[in-house]
């Protein structure tokens, strides 16, 4: 996980400044398929974007 920094992003056709954080992961391709790694990163991203879902176990 990298630090959260304000970055320009496109929202509804306009450029706005939003807090963004990069998330990276390394894994052994001999043990884990890329599809599972992406699924895991998407799950982490969703939980970070909506922590209330994690608390409510949704």
PDB file of N, CA and C in Angstrom:
ATOM      1  N   UNK A   1       0.847  -1.165   0.000  1.00  0.00           N
ATOM      2  CA  UNK A   1       0.000   0.000   0.000  1.00  0.00           C
ATOM      3  C   UNK A   1       0.896   1.232   0.000  1.00  0.00           C
ATOM      4  N   UNK A   2       0.553   2.146  -0.843  1.00  0.00           N
ATOM      5  CA  UNK A   2       1.294   3.391  -0.935  1.00  0.00           C
ATOM      6  C   UNK A   2       0.550   4.462  -0.147  1.00  0.00           C
ATOM      7  N   UNK A   3       1.149   5.614  -0.019  1.00  0.00           N
ATOM      8  CA  UNK A   3       0.504   6.702   0.722  1.00  0.00           C
ATOM      9  C   UNK A   3      -0.652   7.283  -0.094  1.00  0.00           C
ATOM     10  N   UNK A   4      -1.615   7.854   0.597  1.00  0.00           N
ATOM     11  CA  UNK A   4      -2.745   8.512  -0.053  1.00  0.00           C
ATOM     12  C   UNK A   4      -2.300   9.902  -0.477  1.00  0.00           C
ATOM     13  N   UNK A   5      -2.513  10.214  -1.765  1.00  0.00           N
ATOM     14  CA  UNK A   5      -2.141  11.517  -2.301  1.00  0.00           C
ATOM     15  C   UNK A   5      -3.279  12.042  -3.166  1.00  0.00           C
ATOM     16  N   UNK A   6      -3.430  13.361  -3.184  1.00  0.00           N
ATOM     17  CA  UNK A   6      -4.415  13.978  -4.065  1.00  0.00           C
ATOM     18  C   UNK A   6      -3.926  13.876  -5.502  1.00  0.00           C
ATOM     19  N   UNK A   7      -4.799  13.362  -6.383  1.00  0.00           N
ATOM     20  CA  UNK A   7      -4.442  13.192  -7.792  1.00  0.00           C
ATOM     21  C   UNK A   7      -5.622  13.627  -8.663  1.00  0.00           C
ATOM     22  N   UNK A   8      -5.332  14.114  -9.864  1.00  0.00           N
ATOM     23  CA  UNK A   8      -6.421  14.479 -10.776  1.00  0.00           C
ATOM     24  C   UNK A   8      -7.048  13.224 -11.386  1.00  0.00           C
ATOM     25  N   UNK A   9      -8.381  13.179 -11.404  1.00  0.00           N
ATOM     26  CA  UNK A   9      -9.114  12.080 -12.029  1.00  0.00           C
ATOM     27  C   UNK A   9     -10.304  12.659 -12.784  1.00  0.00           C
ATOM     28  N   UNK A  10     -10.804  11.923 -13.761  1.00  0.00           N
ATOM     29  CA  UNK A  10     -11.975  12.351 -14.522  1.00  0.00           C
ATOM     30  C   UNK A  10     -13.235  11.834 -13.840  1.00  0.00           C
ATOM     31  N   UNK A  11     -14.164  12.735 -13.565  1.00  0.00           N
ATOM     32  CA  UNK A  11     -15.466  12.385 -12.983  1.00  0.00           C
ATOM     33  C   UNK A  11     -16.544  13.152 -13.728  1.00  0.00           C
ATOM     34  N   UNK A  12     -17.465  12.435 -14.346  1.00  0.00           N
ATOM     35  CA  UNK A  12     -18.570  13.058 -15.079  1.00  0.00           C
ATOM     36  C   UNK A  12     -18.073  14.081 -16.094  1.00  0.00           C
ATOM     37  N   UNK A  13     -17.015  13.749 -16.813  1.00  0.00           N
ATOM     38  CA  UNK A  13     -16.496  14.612 -17.856  1.00  0.00           C
ATOM     39  C   UNK A  13     -15.673  15.790 -17.385  1.00  0.00           C
ATOM     40  N   UNK A  14     -15.377  15.864 -16.099  1.00  0.00           N
ATOM     41  CA  UNK A  14     -14.569  16.952 -15.556  1.00  0.00           C
ATOM     42  C   UNK A  14     -13.387  16.381 -14.784  1.00  0.00           C
ATOM     43  N   UNK A  15     -12.322  17.159 -14.732  1.00  0.00           N
ATOM     44  CA  UNK A  15     -11.147  16.761 -13.964  1.00  0.00           C
ATOM     45  C   UNK A  15     -11.297  17.299 -12.549  1.00  0.00           C
ATOM     46  N   UNK A  16     -11.244  16.400 -11.576  1.00  0.00           N
ATOM     47  CA  UNK A  16     -11.350  16.785 -10.167  1.00  0.00           C
ATOM     48  C   UNK A  16     -10.181  16.166  -9.406  1.00  0.00           C
ATOM     49  N   UNK A  17      -9.890  16.722  -8.264  1.00  0.00           N
ATOM     50  CA  UNK A  17      -8.822  16.200  -7.408  1.00  0.00           C
ATOM     51  C   UNK A  17      -9.445  15.256  -6.392  1.00  0.00           C
ATOM     52  N   UNK A  18      -8.930  14.028  -6.331  1.00  0.00           N
ATOM     53  CA  UNK A  18      -9.449  13.014  -5.409  1.00  0.00           C
ATOM     54  C   UNK A  18      -8.280  12.364  -4.679  1.00  0.00           C
ATOM     55  N   UNK A  19      -8.501  11.935  -3.437  1.00  0.00           N
ATOM     56  CA  UNK A  19      -7.441  11.188  -2.750  1.00  0.00           C
ATOM     57  C   UNK A  19      -7.320   9.792  -3.369  1.00  0.00           C
ATOM     58  N   UNK A  20      -6.106   9.413  -3.742  1.00  0.00           N
ATOM     59  CA  UNK A  20      -5.869   8.123  -4.386  1.00  0.00           C
ATOM     60  C   UNK A  20      -4.719   7.409  -3.688  1.00  0.00           C
ATOM     61  N   UNK A  21      -4.792   6.081  -3.692  1.00  0.00           N
ATOM     62  CA  UNK A  21      -3.729   5.267  -3.116  1.00  0.00           C
ATOM     63  C   UNK A  21      -3.474   4.098  -4.061  1.00  0.00           C
ATOM     64  N   UNK A  22      -2.213   3.842  -4.356  1.00  0.00           N
ATOM     65  CA  UNK A  22      -1.863   2.691  -5.175  1.00  0.00           C
ATOM     66  C   UNK A  22      -1.742   1.462  -4.284  1.00  0.00           C
ATOM     67  N   UNK A  23      -2.167   0.340  -4.820  1.00  0.00           N
ATOM     68  CA  UNK A  23      -2.107  -0.932  -4.112  1.00  0.00           C
ATOM     69  C   UNK A  23      -1.412  -1.929  -5.033  1.00  0.00           C
ATOM     70  N   UNK A  24      -0.371  -2.567  -4.545  1.00  0.00           N
ATOM     71  CA  UNK A  24       0.379  -3.523  -5.355  1.00  0.00           C
ATOM     72  C   UNK A  24       0.560  -4.820  -4.576  1.00  0.00           C
ATOM     73  N   UNK A  25       0.752  -5.908  -5.324  1.00  0.00           N
ATOM     74  CA  UNK A  25       0.923  -7.205  -4.691  1.00  0.00           C
ATOM     75  C   UNK A  25       1.837  -8.050  -5.574  1.00  0.00           C
ATOM     76  N   UNK A  26       2.666  -8.833  -4.950  1.00  0.00           N
ATOM     77  CA  UNK A  26       3.457  -9.806  -5.706  1.00  0.00           C
ATOM     78  C   UNK A  26       3.078 -11.196  -5.209  1.00  0.00           C
ATOM     79  N   UNK A  27       3.172 -12.158  -6.096  1.00  0.00           N
ATOM     80  CA  UNK A  27       2.826 -13.529  -5.738  1.00  0.00           C
ATOM     81  C   UNK A  27       3.575 -14.478  -6.661  1.00  0.00           C
ATOM     82  N   UNK A  28       3.645 -15.716  -6.286  1.00  0.00           N
ATOM     83  CA  UNK A  28       4.340 -16.742  -7.059  1.00  0.00           C
ATOM     84  C   UNK A  28       3.361 -17.344  -8.067  1.00  0.00           C
ATOM     85  N   UNK A  29       3.612 -17.118  -9.349  1.00  0.00           N
ATOM     86  CA  UNK A  29       2.721 -17.617 -10.399  1.00  0.00           C
ATOM     87  C   UNK A  29       2.662 -19.141 -10.439  1.00  0.00           C
ATOM     88  N   UNK A  30       3.626 -19.793  -9.841  1.00  0.00           N
ATOM     89  CA  UNK A  30       3.596 -21.258  -9.811  1.00  0.00           C
ATOM     90  C   UNK A  30       2.546 -21.766  -8.826  1.00  0.00           C
ATOM     91  N   UNK A  31       2.197 -20.938  -7.841  1.00  0.00           N
ATOM     92  CA  UNK A  31       1.244 -21.352  -6.810  1.00  0.00           C
ATOM     93  C   UNK A  31      -0.138 -20.745  -6.980  1.00  0.00           C
ATOM     94  N   UNK A  32      -0.208 -19.591  -7.635  1.00  0.00           N
ATOM     95  CA  UNK A  32      -1.470 -18.857  -7.699  1.00  0.00           C
ATOM     96  C   UNK A  32      -1.688 -18.325  -9.103  1.00  0.00           C
ATOM     97  N   UNK A  33      -2.884 -18.515  -9.617  1.00  0.00           N
ATOM     98  CA  UNK A  33      -3.238 -18.000 -10.930  1.00  0.00           C
ATOM     99  C   UNK A  33      -3.515 -16.498 -10.832  1.00  0.00           C
ATOM    100  N   UNK A  34      -3.230 -15.764 -11.895  1.00  0.00           N
ATOM    101  CA  UNK A  34      -3.442 -14.318 -11.906  1.00  0.00           C
ATOM    102  C   UNK A  34      -4.880 -13.926 -11.638  1.00  0.00           C
ATOM    103  N   UNK A  35      -5.829 -14.752 -12.052  1.00  0.00           N
ATOM    104  CA  UNK A  35      -7.244 -14.447 -11.844  1.00  0.00           C
ATOM    105  C   UNK A  35      -7.568 -14.338 -10.354  1.00  0.00           C
ATOM    106  N   UNK A  36      -7.043 -15.256  -9.548  1.00  0.00           N
ATOM    107  CA  UNK A  36      -7.291 -15.210  -8.108  1.00  0.00           C
ATOM    108  C   UNK A  36      -6.622 -13.989  -7.478  1.00  0.00           C
ATOM    109  N   UNK A  37      -5.433 -13.630  -7.966  1.00  0.00           N
ATOM    110  CA  UNK A  37      -4.739 -12.455  -7.439  1.00  0.00           C
ATOM    111  C   UNK A  37      -5.533 -11.184  -7.727  1.00  0.00           C
ATOM    112  N   UNK A  38      -6.062 -11.070  -8.933  1.00  0.00           N
ATOM    113  CA  UNK A  38      -6.872  -9.896  -9.287  1.00  0.00           C
ATOM    114  C   UNK A  38      -8.144  -9.867  -8.456  1.00  0.00           C
ATOM    115  N   UNK A  39      -8.771 -11.006  -8.277  1.00  0.00           N
ATOM    116  CA  UNK A  39      -9.985 -11.080  -7.447  1.00  0.00           C
ATOM    117  C   UNK A  39      -9.703 -10.596  -6.027  1.00  0.00           C
ATOM    118  N   UNK A  40      -8.559 -11.000  -5.486  1.00  0.00           N
ATOM    119  CA  UNK A  40      -8.170 -10.579  -4.141  1.00  0.00           C
ATOM    120  C   UNK A  40      -7.967  -9.066  -4.087  1.00  0.00           C
ATOM    121  N   UNK A  41      -7.245  -8.498  -5.062  1.00  0.00           N
ATOM    122  CA  UNK A  41      -7.011  -7.055  -5.074  1.00  0.00           C
ATOM    123  C   UNK A  41      -8.312  -6.273  -5.237  1.00  0.00           C
ATOM    124  N   UNK A  42      -9.225  -6.761  -6.057  1.00  0.00           N
ATOM    125  CA  UNK A  42     -10.523  -6.099  -6.223  1.00  0.00           C
ATOM    126  C   UNK A  42     -11.286  -6.127  -4.904  1.00  0.00           C
ATOM    127  N   UNK A  43     -11.234  -7.240  -4.194  1.00  0.00           N
ATOM    128  CA  UNK A  43     -11.900  -7.341  -2.894  1.00  0.00           C
ATOM    129  C   UNK A  43     -11.318  -6.343  -1.895  1.00  0.00           C
ATOM    130  N   UNK A  44      -9.995  -6.233  -1.840  1.00  0.00           N
ATOM    131  CA  UNK A  44      -9.344  -5.269  -0.947  1.00  0.00           C
ATOM    132  C   UNK A  44      -9.752  -3.852  -1.320  1.00  0.00           C
ATOM    133  N   UNK A  45      -9.755  -3.529  -2.613  1.00  0.00           N
ATOM    134  CA  UNK A  45     -10.145  -2.199  -3.097  1.00  0.00           C
ATOM    135  C   UNK A  45     -11.567  -1.864  -2.662  1.00  0.00           C
ATOM    136  N   UNK A  46     -12.497  -2.806  -2.848  1.00  0.00           N
ATOM    137  CA  UNK A  46     -13.890  -2.566  -2.473  1.00  0.00           C
ATOM    138  C   UNK A  46     -14.034  -2.357  -0.970  1.00  0.00           C
ATOM    139  N   UNK A  47     -13.289  -3.107  -0.176  1.00  0.00           N
ATOM    140  CA  UNK A  47     -13.369  -2.947   1.273  1.00  0.00           C
ATOM    141  C   UNK A  47     -12.793  -1.612   1.720  1.00  0.00           C
ATOM    142  N   UNK A  48     -11.714  -1.160   1.078  1.00  0.00           N
ATOM    143  CA  UNK A  48     -11.138   0.140   1.421  1.00  0.00           C
ATOM    144  C   UNK A  48     -12.063   1.282   1.009  1.00  0.00           C
ATOM    145  N   UNK A  49     -12.773   1.118  -0.116  1.00  0.00           N
ATOM    146  CA  UNK A  49     -13.679   2.162  -0.589  1.00  0.00           C
ATOM    147  C   UNK A  49     -14.963   2.213   0.221  1.00  0.00           C
ATOM    148  N   UNK A  50     -15.392   1.101   0.795  1.00  0.00           N
ATOM    149  CA  UNK A  50     -16.640   1.036   1.559  1.00  0.00           C
ATOM    150  C   UNK A  50     -16.428   0.227   2.835  1.00  0.00           C
ATOM    151  N   UNK A  51     -15.747   0.804   3.823  1.00  0.00           N
ATOM    152  CA  UNK A  51     -15.471   0.037   5.045  1.00  0.00           C
ATOM    153  C   UNK A  51     -16.733  -0.364   5.807  1.00  0.00           C
ATOM    154  N   UNK A  52     -17.836   0.350   5.591  1.00  0.00           N
ATOM    155  CA  UNK A  52     -19.076  -0.026   6.282  1.00  0.00           C
ATOM    156  C   UNK A  52     -19.555  -1.402   5.832  1.00  0.00           C
ATOM    157  N   UNK A  53     -19.277  -1.777   4.583  1.00  0.00           N
ATOM    158  CA  UNK A  53     -19.648  -3.112   4.109  1.00  0.00           C
ATOM    159  C   UNK A  53     -18.904  -4.186   4.887  1.00  0.00           C
ATOM    160  N   UNK A  54     -17.651  -3.917   5.215  1.00  0.00           N
ATOM    161  CA  UNK A  54     -16.852  -4.860   5.990  1.00  0.00           C
ATOM    162  C   UNK A  54     -17.418  -4.986   7.401  1.00  0.00           C
ATOM    163  N   UNK A  55     -17.792  -3.863   7.986  1.00  0.00           N
ATOM    164  CA  UNK A  55     -18.341  -3.883   9.342  1.00  0.00           C
ATOM    165  C   UNK A  55     -19.691  -4.584   9.399  1.00  0.00           C
ATOM    166  N   UNK A  56     -20.488  -4.427   8.323  1.00  0.00           N
ATOM    167  CA  UNK A  56     -21.809  -5.043   8.281  1.00  0.00           C
ATOM    168  C   UNK A  56     -21.776  -6.441   7.679  1.00  0.00           C
ATOM    169  N   UNK A  57     -20.562  -6.875   7.265  1.00  0.00           N
ATOM    170  CA  UNK A  57     -20.367  -8.204   6.685  1.00  0.00           C
ATOM    171  C   UNK A  57     -21.221  -8.417   5.438  1.00  0.00           C
ATOM    172  N   UNK A  58     -21.244  -7.414   4.546  1.00  0.00           N
ATOM    173  CA  UNK A  58     -22.011  -7.519   3.297  1.00  0.00           C
ATOM    174  C   UNK A  58     -21.146  -8.043   2.183  1.00  0.00           C
TER     175      UNK A  58
END
